[in-house]
Amino acid sequence: MGQNRILLAIDGSEHSGTVLEKAIEYAKLLDTGIILVHCHEKFPVNLGEPYRDSQIASIIRESEKLVAPFMQRLQSENIQVEDRLMEEPAGKIIPEVAEIEKCDLIIMGSRGFSNLTNLIVGSVTTRVLQTAPCPVLVVR
């Protein structure tokens, strides 16, 4: 990937498809790659072995399954994409990834429920807007 990059945050809600299409539009406009970020639920800490390992494996599998169609859609548009499956909280993680990856723009939704944590995305969006190291495009 070149210097410029867009961070695309998806939660798997129906609204994520709209956010994806907007990210494709901007990636083409800016001739840039995308870092696709999905924050899954926290890994269990108080489960004994081997249950904890199987829970973690299950969370990772679900996350991979959720991001796969987004990855395929971006690749079909010949947009360079890397995924980052991160652990909650999304509002803290998204700005951190944007800073580490030196992203020029964050694209995320304004609403919707995460189907993994029932976390209202609006609160995540608000946190990102307050702490992002770059401009944020909020897709309604």
C-alpha atoms as a PDB file:
ATOM      1  CA  MET A   1       0.000   0.000   0.000  1.00  0.00           C
ATOM      2  CA  GLY A   2       1.026   3.543  -0.667  1.00  0.00           C
ATOM      3  CA  GLN A   3       1.274   6.357   1.843  1.00  0.00           C
ATOM      4  CA  ASN A   4      -2.400   7.272   1.938  1.00  0.00           C
ATOM      5  CA  ARG A   5      -4.787   4.872   3.607  1.00  0.00           C
ATOM      6  CA  ILE A   6      -8.386   4.825   4.691  1.00  0.00           C
ATOM      7  CA  LEU A   7      -9.478   3.061   7.852  1.00  0.00           C
ATOM      8  CA  LEU A   8     -12.856   1.439   7.266  1.00  0.00           C
ATOM      9  CA  ALA A   9     -14.593   0.426  10.505  1.00  0.00           C
ATOM     10  CA  ILE A  10     -17.375  -2.147  10.182  1.00  0.00           C
ATOM     11  CA  ASP A  11     -19.498  -3.820  12.838  1.00  0.00           C
ATOM     12  CA  GLY A  12     -21.424  -6.269  10.683  1.00  0.00           C
ATOM     13  CA  SER A  13     -24.765  -4.467  10.975  1.00  0.00           C
ATOM     14  CA  GLU A  14     -26.857  -3.978   7.836  1.00  0.00           C
ATOM     15  CA  HIS A  15     -25.603  -0.395   7.719  1.00  0.00           C
ATOM     16  CA  SER A  16     -22.028  -1.682   7.206  1.00  0.00           C
ATOM     17  CA  GLY A  17     -22.836  -2.353   3.533  1.00  0.00           C
ATOM     18  CA  THR A  18     -23.624   1.329   2.954  1.00  0.00           C
ATOM     19  CA  VAL A  19     -20.438   2.325   4.757  1.00  0.00           C
ATOM     20  CA  LEU A  20     -18.448  -0.119   2.575  1.00  0.00           C
ATOM     21  CA  GLU A  21     -19.788   1.378  -0.665  1.00  0.00           C
ATOM     22  CA  LYS A  22     -18.830   4.886   0.505  1.00  0.00           C
ATOM     23  CA  ALA A  23     -15.325   3.625   1.376  1.00  0.00           C
ATOM     24  CA  ILE A  24     -14.960   2.122  -2.119  1.00  0.00           C
ATOM     25  CA  GLU A  25     -15.949   5.474  -3.633  1.00  0.00           C
ATOM     26  CA  TYR A  26     -13.349   7.351  -1.563  1.00  0.00           C
ATOM     27  CA  ALA A  27     -10.604   4.769  -2.061  1.00  0.00           C
ATOM     28  CA  LYS A  28     -10.987   5.142  -5.838  1.00  0.00           C
ATOM     29  CA  LEU A  29     -11.220   8.918  -5.615  1.00  0.00           C
ATOM     30  CA  LEU A  30      -8.056   9.135  -3.502  1.00  0.00           C
ATOM     31  CA  ASP A  31      -6.323   6.175  -5.192  1.00  0.00           C
ATOM     32  CA  THR A  32      -5.587   4.557  -1.857  1.00  0.00           C
ATOM     33  CA  GLY A  33      -5.777   1.289   0.052  1.00  0.00           C
ATOM     34  CA  ILE A  34      -8.023   0.370   2.954  1.00  0.00           C
ATOM     35  CA  ILE A  35      -7.388  -0.986   6.438  1.00  0.00           C
ATOM     36  CA  LEU A  36     -10.584  -2.835   7.360  1.00  0.00           C
ATOM     37  CA  VAL A  37     -11.133  -2.838  11.129  1.00  0.00           C
ATOM     38  CA  HIS A  38     -13.632  -4.995  12.951  1.00  0.00           C
ATOM     39  CA  CYS A  39     -13.765  -5.022  16.747  1.00  0.00           C
ATOM     40  CA  HIS A  40     -15.091  -8.259  18.164  1.00  0.00           C
ATOM     41  CA  GLU A  41     -16.281  -8.899  21.695  1.00  0.00           C
ATOM     42  CA  LYS A  42     -13.699  -9.215  24.438  1.00  0.00           C
ATOM     43  CA  PHE A  43     -12.109 -12.607  24.946  1.00  0.00           C
ATOM     44  CA  PRO A  44     -13.270 -14.360  28.123  1.00  0.00           C
ATOM     45  CA  VAL A  45     -10.798 -14.074  30.984  1.00  0.00           C
ATOM     46  CA  ASN A  46     -12.423 -16.169  33.686  1.00  0.00           C
ATOM     47  CA  LEU A  47     -13.034 -19.412  31.785  1.00  0.00           C
ATOM     48  CA  GLY A  48     -10.812 -22.408  32.447  1.00  0.00           C
ATOM     49  CA  GLU A  49      -8.955 -24.362  29.789  1.00  0.00           C
ATOM     50  CA  PRO A  50      -9.865 -25.735  27.277  1.00  0.00           C
ATOM     51  CA  TYR A  51     -13.133 -23.754  27.280  1.00  0.00           C
ATOM     52  CA  ARG A  52     -11.387 -20.390  27.049  1.00  0.00           C
ATOM     53  CA  ASP A  53      -9.387 -21.490  23.980  1.00  0.00           C
ATOM     54  CA  SER A  54     -12.488 -22.794  22.238  1.00  0.00           C
ATOM     55  CA  GLN A  55     -14.380 -19.541  23.029  1.00  0.00           C
ATOM     56  CA  ILE A  56     -11.485 -17.472  21.619  1.00  0.00           C
ATOM     57  CA  ALA A  57     -11.334 -19.665  18.497  1.00  0.00           C
ATOM     58  CA  SER A  58     -15.085 -19.269  18.065  1.00  0.00           C
ATOM     59  CA  ILE A  59     -14.925 -15.444  18.381  1.00  0.00           C
ATOM     60  CA  ILE A  60     -12.078 -15.304  15.828  1.00  0.00           C
ATOM     61  CA  ARG A  61     -13.967 -17.622  13.425  1.00  0.00           C
ATOM     62  CA  GLU A  62     -17.100 -15.471  13.676  1.00  0.00           C
ATOM     63  CA  SER A  63     -15.059 -12.303  13.032  1.00  0.00           C
ATOM     64  CA  GLU A  64     -13.347 -13.826   9.999  1.00  0.00           C
ATOM     65  CA  LYS A  65     -16.709 -14.965   8.635  1.00  0.00           C
ATOM     66  CA  LEU A  66     -18.152 -11.478   9.174  1.00  0.00           C
ATOM     67  CA  VAL A  67     -15.335  -9.606   7.390  1.00  0.00           C
ATOM     68  CA  ALA A  68     -14.924 -12.093   4.487  1.00  0.00           C
ATOM     69  CA  PRO A  69     -17.649 -10.579   2.223  1.00  0.00           C
ATOM     70  CA  PHE A  70     -16.240  -7.071   2.830  1.00  0.00           C
ATOM     71  CA  MET A  71     -12.729  -8.227   1.933  1.00  0.00           C
ATOM     72  CA  GLN A  72     -14.024  -9.961  -1.221  1.00  0.00           C
ATOM     73  CA  ARG A  73     -15.975  -6.873  -2.300  1.00  0.00           C
ATOM     74  CA  LEU A  74     -12.922  -4.628  -1.887  1.00  0.00           C
ATOM     75  CA  GLN A  75     -10.660  -7.085  -3.726  1.00  0.00           C
ATOM     76  CA  SER A  76     -13.206  -7.345  -6.551  1.00  0.00           C
ATOM     77  CA  GLU A  77     -12.850  -3.555  -6.939  1.00  0.00           C
ATOM     78  CA  ASN A  78      -9.030  -3.950  -7.073  1.00  0.00           C
ATOM     79  CA  ILE A  79      -8.611  -1.991  -3.851  1.00  0.00           C
ATOM     80  CA  GLN A  80      -5.652  -3.012  -1.724  1.00  0.00           C
ATOM     81  CA  VAL A  81      -7.005  -4.100   1.636  1.00  0.00           C
ATOM     82  CA  GLU A  82      -5.669  -5.445   4.920  1.00  0.00           C
ATOM     83  CA  ASP A  83      -7.893  -6.513   7.782  1.00  0.00           C
ATOM     84  CA  ARG A  84      -7.419  -5.932  11.489  1.00  0.00           C
ATOM     85  CA  LEU A  85      -9.580  -8.027  13.793  1.00  0.00           C
ATOM     86  CA  MET A  86      -9.331  -6.272  17.127  1.00  0.00           C
ATOM     87  CA  GLU A  87     -10.788  -6.746  20.573  1.00  0.00           C
ATOM     88  CA  GLU A  88     -13.324  -4.229  21.918  1.00  0.00           C
ATOM     89  CA  PRO A  89     -13.692  -1.375  22.859  1.00  0.00           C
ATOM     90  CA  ALA A  90     -14.121  -0.097  19.296  1.00  0.00           C
ATOM     91  CA  GLY A  91     -14.227   3.580  20.290  1.00  0.00           C
ATOM     92  CA  LYS A  92     -10.721   3.325  21.719  1.00  0.00           C
ATOM     93  CA  ILE A  93      -9.247   0.867  19.179  1.00  0.00           C
ATOM     94  CA  ILE A  94     -10.303   2.613  15.933  1.00  0.00           C
ATOM     95  CA  PRO A  95      -8.377   5.873  16.609  1.00  0.00           C
ATOM     96  CA  GLU A  96      -5.366   3.854  17.858  1.00  0.00           C
ATOM     97  CA  VAL A  97      -5.219   1.776  14.663  1.00  0.00           C
ATOM     98  CA  ALA A  98      -5.665   4.936  12.550  1.00  0.00           C
ATOM     99  CA  GLU A  99      -2.684   6.505  14.307  1.00  0.00           C
ATOM    100  CA  ILE A 100      -0.443   3.418  14.125  1.00  0.00           C
ATOM    101  CA  GLU A 101      -1.276   2.833  10.434  1.00  0.00           C
ATOM    102  CA  LYS A 102      -0.971   6.580   9.645  1.00  0.00           C
ATOM    103  CA  CYS A 103      -4.426   6.661   8.066  1.00  0.00           C
ATOM    104  CA  ASP A 104      -5.584   9.851   6.363  1.00  0.00           C
ATOM    105  CA  LEU A 105      -9.290   9.202   6.838  1.00  0.00           C
ATOM    106  CA  ILE A 106     -11.603   7.054   8.969  1.00  0.00           C
ATOM    107  CA  ILE A 107     -14.909   5.975   7.426  1.00  0.00           C
ATOM    108  CA  MET A 108     -17.544   4.549   9.738  1.00  0.00           C
ATOM    109  CA  GLY A 109     -21.296   4.357  10.255  1.00  0.00           C
ATOM    110  CA  SER A 110     -23.374   6.658  12.400  1.00  0.00           C
ATOM    111  CA  ARG A 111     -25.823   4.040  13.589  1.00  0.00           C
ATOM    112  CA  GLY A 112     -26.662   0.372  13.778  1.00  0.00           C
ATOM    113  CA  PHE A 113     -26.154  -2.289  16.364  1.00  0.00           C
ATOM    114  CA  SER A 114     -23.121  -4.464  16.527  1.00  0.00           C
ATOM    115  CA  ASN A 115     -24.484  -7.967  16.222  1.00  0.00           C
ATOM    116  CA  LEU A 116     -21.709  -9.198  18.496  1.00  0.00           C
ATOM    117  CA  THR A 117     -21.988  -6.896  21.489  1.00  0.00           C
ATOM    118  CA  ASN A 118     -25.282  -4.988  21.132  1.00  0.00           C
ATOM    119  CA  LEU A 119     -23.187  -1.867  21.503  1.00  0.00           C
ATOM    120  CA  ILE A 120     -24.825   1.219  20.039  1.00  0.00           C
ATOM    121  CA  VAL A 121     -22.474   2.353  17.298  1.00  0.00           C
ATOM    122  CA  GLY A 122     -23.419   5.978  17.841  1.00  0.00           C
ATOM    123  CA  SER A 123     -21.481   6.016  21.101  1.00  0.00           C
ATOM    124  CA  VAL A 124     -18.461   4.482  19.342  1.00  0.00           C
ATOM    125  CA  THR A 125     -18.717   7.110  16.585  1.00  0.00           C
ATOM    126  CA  THR A 126     -18.823   9.900  19.159  1.00  0.00           C
ATOM    127  CA  ARG A 127     -15.693   8.580  20.890  1.00  0.00           C
ATOM    128  CA  VAL A 128     -13.849   8.250  17.563  1.00  0.00           C
ATOM    129  CA  LEU A 129     -14.836  11.789  16.533  1.00  0.00           C
ATOM    130  CA  GLN A 130     -13.394  13.112  19.805  1.00  0.00           C
ATOM    131  CA  THR A 131     -10.080  11.219  19.636  1.00  0.00           C
ATOM    132  CA  ALA A 132      -9.280  10.479  15.980  1.00  0.00           C
ATOM    133  CA  PRO A 133      -5.841  11.541  14.678  1.00  0.00           C
ATOM    134  CA  CYS A 134      -7.317  12.291  11.216  1.00  0.00           C
ATOM    135  CA  PRO A 135     -10.621  13.366   9.596  1.00  0.00           C
ATOM    136  CA  VAL A 136     -13.633  11.077  10.131  1.00  0.00           C
ATOM    137  CA  LEU A 137     -16.336  10.523   7.534  1.00  0.00           C
ATOM    138  CA  VAL A 138     -19.546   9.415   9.242  1.00  0.00           C
ATOM    139  CA  VAL A 139     -21.912   7.660   6.841  1.00  0.00           C
ATOM    140  CA  ARG A 140     -25.614   8.025   7.616  1.00  0.00           C
END
